């Protein structure tokens, strides 16, 4: 979860270099409950990892660099 679209786009670009993610991560706008204004939206950077080869702590630290956090399913 990232605070805005700019951070999400920047993180998406860096993700492949840092973690070797082959597939393009998906960006999804997550508006806060009851808010329609884009200023109040957070962005999800969705990364598929069915084999669980990515380290959760490393992903959380990576997201923190962009003022975000990891939300695992």
C-alpha atoms as a PDB file:
ATOM      1  CA  UNK A   1       0.000   0.000   0.000  1.00  0.00           C
ATOM      2  CA  UNK A   2       1.460   3.336  -1.065  1.00  0.00           C
ATOM      3  CA  UNK A   3       0.369   6.888  -0.262  1.00  0.00           C
ATOM      4  CA  UNK A   4      -0.130   8.179  -3.824  1.00  0.00           C
ATOM      5  CA  UNK A   5       0.101   7.329  -7.504  1.00  0.00           C
ATOM      6  CA  UNK A   6       3.556   8.879  -7.979  1.00  0.00           C
ATOM      7  CA  UNK A   7       5.026   6.720  -5.220  1.00  0.00           C
ATOM      8  CA  UNK A   8       3.292   3.626  -6.606  1.00  0.00           C
ATOM      9  CA  UNK A   9       4.585   4.221 -10.128  1.00  0.00           C
ATOM     10  CA  UNK A  10       8.123   4.873  -8.894  1.00  0.00           C
ATOM     11  CA  UNK A  11       8.061   1.761  -6.692  1.00  0.00           C
ATOM     12  CA  UNK A  12       6.698  -0.353  -9.557  1.00  0.00           C
ATOM     13  CA  UNK A  13       9.624   0.689 -11.716  1.00  0.00           C
ATOM     14  CA  UNK A  14      12.141  -0.165  -9.008  1.00  0.00           C
ATOM     15  CA  UNK A  15      10.504  -3.460  -7.980  1.00  0.00           C
ATOM     16  CA  UNK A  16      11.790  -5.507 -10.931  1.00  0.00           C
ATOM     17  CA  UNK A  17      15.354  -4.255 -10.464  1.00  0.00           C
ATOM     18  CA  UNK A  18      15.392  -4.839  -6.733  1.00  0.00           C
ATOM     19  CA  UNK A  19      13.495  -8.143  -6.468  1.00  0.00           C
ATOM     20  CA  UNK A  20      13.727  -9.653  -9.940  1.00  0.00           C
ATOM     21  CA  UNK A  21       9.949  -9.672 -10.384  1.00  0.00           C
ATOM     22  CA  UNK A  22       9.282 -10.795 -13.947  1.00  0.00           C
ATOM     23  CA  UNK A  23       5.652  -9.689 -14.287  1.00  0.00           C
ATOM     24  CA  UNK A  24       4.650  -6.032 -14.340  1.00  0.00           C
ATOM     25  CA  UNK A  25       3.055  -5.188 -10.972  1.00  0.00           C
ATOM     26  CA  UNK A  26      -0.529  -3.980 -11.117  1.00  0.00           C
ATOM     27  CA  UNK A  27      -1.407  -0.499  -9.779  1.00  0.00           C
ATOM     28  CA  UNK A  28      -4.838  -0.217  -8.179  1.00  0.00           C
ATOM     29  CA  UNK A  29      -6.401   2.924  -6.688  1.00  0.00           C
ATOM     30  CA  UNK A  30      -7.843   2.298  -3.233  1.00  0.00           C
ATOM     31  CA  UNK A  31     -10.093   5.232  -2.263  1.00  0.00           C
ATOM     32  CA  UNK A  32     -10.696   5.683   1.428  1.00  0.00           C
ATOM     33  CA  UNK A  33     -14.225   4.850   2.552  1.00  0.00           C
ATOM     34  CA  UNK A  34     -16.638   7.581   1.506  1.00  0.00           C
ATOM     35  CA  UNK A  35     -14.008   9.598  -0.375  1.00  0.00           C
ATOM     36  CA  UNK A  36     -14.207  10.294  -4.105  1.00  0.00           C
ATOM     37  CA  UNK A  37     -11.314  12.765  -4.255  1.00  0.00           C
ATOM     38  CA  UNK A  38      -8.086  11.391  -5.761  1.00  0.00           C
ATOM     39  CA  UNK A  39      -6.162  13.290  -3.074  1.00  0.00           C
ATOM     40  CA  UNK A  40      -7.611  10.867  -0.512  1.00  0.00           C
ATOM     41  CA  UNK A  41      -6.646   7.724  -2.408  1.00  0.00           C
ATOM     42  CA  UNK A  42      -3.945   5.262  -1.559  1.00  0.00           C
ATOM     43  CA  UNK A  43      -2.502   2.975  -4.206  1.00  0.00           C
ATOM     44  CA  UNK A  44      -1.953  -0.748  -4.106  1.00  0.00           C
ATOM     45  CA  UNK A  45       1.036  -2.175  -5.899  1.00  0.00           C
ATOM     46  CA  UNK A  46      -0.134  -5.738  -6.522  1.00  0.00           C
ATOM     47  CA  UNK A  47       2.627  -8.318  -6.899  1.00  0.00           C
ATOM     48  CA  UNK A  48       1.762 -11.940  -7.623  1.00  0.00           C
ATOM     49  CA  UNK A  49       4.020 -14.367  -5.741  1.00  0.00           C
ATOM     50  CA  UNK A  50       2.292 -17.780  -5.753  1.00  0.00           C
ATOM     51  CA  UNK A  51       5.549 -19.603  -4.925  1.00  0.00           C
ATOM     52  CA  UNK A  52       6.251 -17.278  -1.977  1.00  0.00           C
ATOM     53  CA  UNK A  53       9.832 -16.601  -3.056  1.00  0.00           C
ATOM     54  CA  UNK A  54       9.720 -12.915  -2.078  1.00  0.00           C
ATOM     55  CA  UNK A  55      10.724 -12.030   1.488  1.00  0.00           C
ATOM     56  CA  UNK A  56       7.847 -10.281   3.305  1.00  0.00           C
ATOM     57  CA  UNK A  57      10.163  -8.268   5.561  1.00  0.00           C
ATOM     58  CA  UNK A  58      12.180  -7.061   2.565  1.00  0.00           C
ATOM     59  CA  UNK A  59       8.997  -6.073   0.715  1.00  0.00           C
ATOM     60  CA  UNK A  60       7.735  -4.195   3.773  1.00  0.00           C
ATOM     61  CA  UNK A  61      11.059  -2.341   4.081  1.00  0.00           C
ATOM     62  CA  UNK A  62      10.917  -1.557   0.349  1.00  0.00           C
ATOM     63  CA  UNK A  63       7.382  -0.137   0.694  1.00  0.00           C
ATOM     64  CA  UNK A  64       8.490   1.909   3.718  1.00  0.00           C
ATOM     65  CA  UNK A  65      11.071   3.642   1.509  1.00  0.00           C
ATOM     66  CA  UNK A  66       8.071   5.069  -0.360  1.00  0.00           C
ATOM     67  CA  UNK A  67       6.097   5.826   2.843  1.00  0.00           C
ATOM     68  CA  UNK A  68       4.013   2.689   2.358  1.00  0.00           C
ATOM     69  CA  UNK A  69       3.590  -0.718   3.939  1.00  0.00           C
ATOM     70  CA  UNK A  70       3.048  -4.350   3.027  1.00  0.00           C
ATOM     71  CA  UNK A  71      -0.448  -5.806   3.116  1.00  0.00           C
ATOM     72  CA  UNK A  72      -0.248  -9.543   2.613  1.00  0.00           C
ATOM     73  CA  UNK A  73      -3.383 -11.527   1.724  1.00  0.00           C
END
